C-alpha atoms as a PDB file:
ATOM      1  CA  MET A   1      -0.813 -20.560  18.459  1.00  0.00           C
ATOM      2  CA  GLU A   2      -2.252 -17.195  17.416  1.00  0.00           C
ATOM      3  CA  VAL A   3      -0.077 -15.374  19.946  1.00  0.00           C
ATOM      4  CA  THR A   4       2.905 -17.140  18.398  1.00  0.00           C
ATOM      5  CA  ALA A   5       1.893 -15.735  14.995  1.00  0.00           C
ATOM      6  CA  VAL A   6       1.955 -12.218  16.479  1.00  0.00           C
ATOM      7  CA  THR A   7       5.394 -12.906  17.945  1.00  0.00           C
ATOM      8  CA  HIS A   8       6.670 -14.153  14.569  1.00  0.00           C
ATOM      9  CA  ALA A   9       5.239 -11.078  12.846  1.00  0.00           C
ATOM     10  CA  ARG A  10       7.104  -8.819  15.267  1.00  0.00           C
ATOM     11  CA  GLN A  11      10.328 -10.783  14.739  1.00  0.00           C
ATOM     12  CA  ALA A  12       9.860 -10.439  10.974  1.00  0.00           C
ATOM     13  CA  GLY A  13       9.924  -6.663  11.361  1.00  0.00           C
ATOM     14  CA  PHE A  14       6.227  -5.878  11.301  1.00  0.00           C
ATOM     15  CA  PRO A  15       5.283  -3.035  13.628  1.00  0.00           C
ATOM     16  CA  ALA A  16       4.275  -3.831  17.167  1.00  0.00           C
ATOM     17  CA  ILE A  17       0.571  -3.647  17.770  1.00  0.00           C
ATOM     18  CA  GLY A  18       0.983  -0.358  19.632  1.00  0.00           C
ATOM     19  CA  ASN A  19       2.479   1.263  16.525  1.00  0.00           C
ATOM     20  CA  VAL A  20      -0.457   0.454  14.237  1.00  0.00           C
ATOM     21  CA  ASN A  21      -3.508   2.598  13.526  1.00  0.00           C
ATOM     22  CA  ASN A  22      -5.733   2.760  16.638  1.00  0.00           C
ATOM     23  CA  ASN A  23      -8.804   1.204  14.980  1.00  0.00           C
ATOM     24  CA  PHE A  24      -6.790  -1.667  13.583  1.00  0.00           C
ATOM     25  CA  ASN A  25      -4.952  -1.993  16.899  1.00  0.00           C
ATOM     26  CA  SER A  26      -8.258  -2.246  18.739  1.00  0.00           C
ATOM     27  CA  THR A  27      -9.558  -4.886  16.317  1.00  0.00           C
ATOM     28  CA  ILE A  28      -6.413  -6.995  16.676  1.00  0.00           C
ATOM     29  CA  MET A  29      -6.465  -6.741  20.459  1.00  0.00           C
ATOM     30  CA  ASN A  30     -10.161  -7.683  20.587  1.00  0.00           C
ATOM     31  CA  THR A  31      -9.515 -10.640  18.297  1.00  0.00           C
ATOM     32  CA  ILE A  32      -6.597 -11.852  20.403  1.00  0.00           C
ATOM     33  CA  SER A  33      -8.682 -11.368  23.527  1.00  0.00           C
ATOM     34  CA  LEU A  34     -11.524 -13.460  22.053  1.00  0.00           C
ATOM     35  CA  ILE A  35      -9.083 -16.193  21.084  1.00  0.00           C
ATOM     36  CA  GLU A  36      -7.218 -16.258  24.392  1.00  0.00           C
ATOM     37  CA  SER A  37     -10.155 -16.079  26.776  1.00  0.00           C
ATOM     38  CA  PRO A  38     -13.554 -15.963  25.140  1.00  0.00           C
ATOM     39  CA  ASN A  39     -16.346 -14.985  27.475  1.00  0.00           C
ATOM     40  CA  PRO A  40     -19.676 -16.811  27.275  1.00  0.00           C
ATOM     41  CA  PHE A  41     -21.544 -13.676  26.131  1.00  0.00           C
ATOM     42  CA  ALA A  42     -19.135 -13.061  23.229  1.00  0.00           C
ATOM     43  CA  MET A  43     -19.305 -16.747  22.284  1.00  0.00           C
ATOM     44  CA  GLN A  44     -23.099 -16.581  22.214  1.00  0.00           C
ATOM     45  CA  ILE A  45     -23.074 -13.444  20.045  1.00  0.00           C
ATOM     46  CA  MET A  46     -20.671 -15.066  17.571  1.00  0.00           C
ATOM     47  CA  GLY A  47     -22.744 -18.243  17.586  1.00  0.00           C
ATOM     48  CA  THR A  48     -25.881 -16.269  16.775  1.00  0.00           C
ATOM     49  CA  LYS A  49     -24.087 -14.388  14.010  1.00  0.00           C
ATOM     50  CA  VAL A  50     -22.856 -17.646  12.476  1.00  0.00           C
ATOM     51  CA  ARG A  51     -26.328 -19.206  12.745  1.00  0.00           C
ATOM     52  CA  LYS A  52     -27.958 -16.208  11.052  1.00  0.00           C
ATOM     53  CA  LEU A  53     -25.430 -16.372   8.213  1.00  0.00           C
ATOM     54  CA  ARG A  54     -26.095 -20.078   7.787  1.00  0.00           C
ATOM     55  CA  GLU A  55     -29.847 -19.486   7.698  1.00  0.00           C
ATOM     56  CA  LEU A  56     -29.440 -16.611   5.229  1.00  0.00           C
ATOM     57  CA  PHE A  57     -27.540 -18.873   2.850  1.00  0.00           C
ATOM     58  CA  GLY A  58     -30.032 -21.708   3.384  1.00  0.00           C
ATOM     59  CA  TYR A  59     -27.342 -24.134   4.511  1.00  0.00           C
ATOM     60  CA  SER A  60     -27.920 -26.963   6.964  1.00  0.00           C
ATOM     61  CA  GLN A  61     -25.672 -27.449   9.976  1.00  0.00           C
ATOM     62  CA  GLU A  62     -24.489 -30.677   8.359  1.00  0.00           C
ATOM     63  CA  TYR A  63     -23.433 -28.807   5.213  1.00  0.00           C
ATOM     64  CA  VAL A  64     -21.421 -26.182   7.095  1.00  0.00           C
ATOM     65  CA  ALA A  65     -19.921 -28.765   9.457  1.00  0.00           C
ATOM     66  CA  PHE A  66     -18.819 -30.875   6.474  1.00  0.00           C
ATOM     67  CA  HIS A  67     -17.044 -27.884   4.910  1.00  0.00           C
ATOM     68  CA  MET A  68     -15.404 -27.093   8.239  1.00  0.00           C
ATOM     69  CA  ASN A  69     -14.328 -30.734   8.578  1.00  0.00           C
ATOM     70  CA  ILE A  70     -16.087 -31.163  11.941  1.00  0.00           C
ATOM     71  CA  SER A  71     -19.146 -33.088  13.082  1.00  0.00           C
ATOM     72  CA  GLN A  72     -22.625 -31.580  13.006  1.00  0.00           C
ATOM     73  CA  ALA A  73     -22.763 -31.942  16.808  1.00  0.00           C
ATOM     74  CA  ALA A  74     -19.526 -29.960  17.215  1.00  0.00           C
ATOM     75  CA  TYR A  75     -20.814 -27.281  14.848  1.00  0.00           C
ATOM     76  CA  SER A  76     -24.126 -27.086  16.703  1.00  0.00           C
ATOM     77  CA  LYS A  77     -22.261 -26.379  19.956  1.00  0.00           C
ATOM     78  CA  LYS A  78     -20.375 -23.537  18.273  1.00  0.00           C
ATOM     79  CA  GLU A  79     -23.606 -21.976  17.007  1.00  0.00           C
ATOM     80  CA  ALA A  80     -25.145 -22.313  20.461  1.00  0.00           C
ATOM     81  CA  GLY A  81     -22.135 -20.575  22.039  1.00  0.00           C
ATOM     82  CA  ARG A  82     -21.257 -23.619  24.128  1.00  0.00           C
ATOM     83  CA  THR A  83     -17.805 -24.024  22.573  1.00  0.00           C
ATOM     84  CA  GLU A  84     -15.472 -21.355  21.315  1.00  0.00           C
ATOM     85  CA  LEU A  85     -14.811 -20.474  17.713  1.00  0.00           C
ATOM     86  CA  SER A  86     -11.059 -20.772  17.153  1.00  0.00           C
ATOM     87  CA  LEU A  87      -9.229 -18.677  14.591  1.00  0.00           C
ATOM     88  CA  SER A  88      -9.164 -21.750  12.360  1.00  0.00           C
ATOM     89  CA  CYS A  89     -12.973 -22.099  12.629  1.00  0.00           C
ATOM     90  CA  LEU A  90     -13.484 -18.391  11.979  1.00  0.00           C
ATOM     91  CA  THR A  91     -11.294 -18.630   8.888  1.00  0.00           C
ATOM     92  CA  LYS A  92     -13.351 -21.510   7.513  1.00  0.00           C
ATOM     93  CA  ILE A  93     -16.647 -19.798   8.320  1.00  0.00           C
ATOM     94  CA  ALA A  94     -15.494 -16.563   6.677  1.00  0.00           C
ATOM     95  CA  ALA A  95     -14.564 -18.510   3.537  1.00  0.00           C
ATOM     96  CA  ILE A  96     -17.914 -20.329   3.413  1.00  0.00           C
ATOM     97  CA  TYR A  97     -19.849 -17.056   3.562  1.00  0.00           C
ATOM     98  CA  HIS A  98     -17.379 -14.952   1.524  1.00  0.00           C
ATOM     99  CA  VAL A  99     -16.737 -12.420   4.313  1.00  0.00           C
ATOM    100  CA  THR A 100     -13.546 -11.293   6.000  1.00  0.00           C
ATOM    101  CA  ILE A 101     -12.631 -12.519   9.445  1.00  0.00           C
ATOM    102  CA  ILE A 102     -12.487  -8.899  10.603  1.00  0.00           C
ATOM    103  CA  ASP A 103     -16.086  -8.325   9.420  1.00  0.00           C
ATOM    104  CA  LEU A 104     -17.171 -11.581  11.021  1.00  0.00           C
ATOM    105  CA  ILE A 105     -15.742 -10.476  14.366  1.00  0.00           C
ATOM    106  CA  THR A 106     -16.353  -6.730  14.416  1.00  0.00           C
ATOM    107  CA  VAL A 107     -19.466  -5.979  12.345  1.00  0.00           C
ATOM    108  CA  SER A 108     -22.832  -6.301  14.069  1.00  0.00           C
ATOM    109  CA  THR A 109     -25.013  -9.230  13.055  1.00  0.00           C
ATOM    110  CA  LYS A 110     -27.538  -6.967  11.355  1.00  0.00           C
ATOM    111  CA  ASP A 111     -24.912  -4.996   9.417  1.00  0.00           C
ATOM    112  CA  LEU A 112     -23.041  -8.150   8.425  1.00  0.00           C
ATOM    113  CA  LEU A 113     -26.222  -9.751   7.067  1.00  0.00           C
ATOM    114  CA  LEU A 114     -27.044  -6.575   5.113  1.00  0.00           C
ATOM    115  CA  LYS A 115     -23.495  -6.481   3.733  1.00  0.00           C
ATOM    116  CA  VAL A 116     -23.744 -10.110   2.610  1.00  0.00           C
ATOM    117  CA  ILE A 117     -27.157  -9.555   1.018  1.00  0.00           C
ATOM    118  CA  GLN A 118     -25.857  -6.493  -0.828  1.00  0.00           C
ATOM    119  CA  ALA A 119     -22.735  -8.313  -2.048  1.00  0.00           C
ATOM    120  CA  THR A 120     -24.832 -11.275  -3.185  1.00  0.00           C
ATOM    121  CA  SER A 121     -27.300  -9.098  -5.062  1.00  0.00           C
ATOM    122  CA  GLU A 122     -24.453  -7.217  -6.784  1.00  0.00           C
ATOM    123  CA  THR A 123     -22.865 -10.504  -7.827  1.00  0.00           C
ATOM    124  CA  HIS A 124     -26.122 -11.769  -9.337  1.00  0.00           C
ATOM    125  CA  ALA A 125     -27.042  -8.468 -11.016  1.00  0.00           C
END
């Protein structure tokens, strides 16, 4: 489905991925690669990142699962890296934690947590 979106974007006249800024190009290609064939190590890293965000916000797995419209058991498997995080799941997770999908995918866990803490403290200041 995500590859279809890229195809539609090209048909709509958006530049091909090769014509875009190299950093952005790399991010898009990595994202598509994760979606098409996630490797267990990448899934585990994303699961850890999502778990740390959840813990930072003080949310339960049930709470996040409810807002993602999935069961707690399904969410638990995503956090554990046993099932992949689809683009749809990443979109919902990004919305819950008020981060971009790009940050969720590309920023290290530590830097993402610091970014969220900083944004939260600025909002409450």
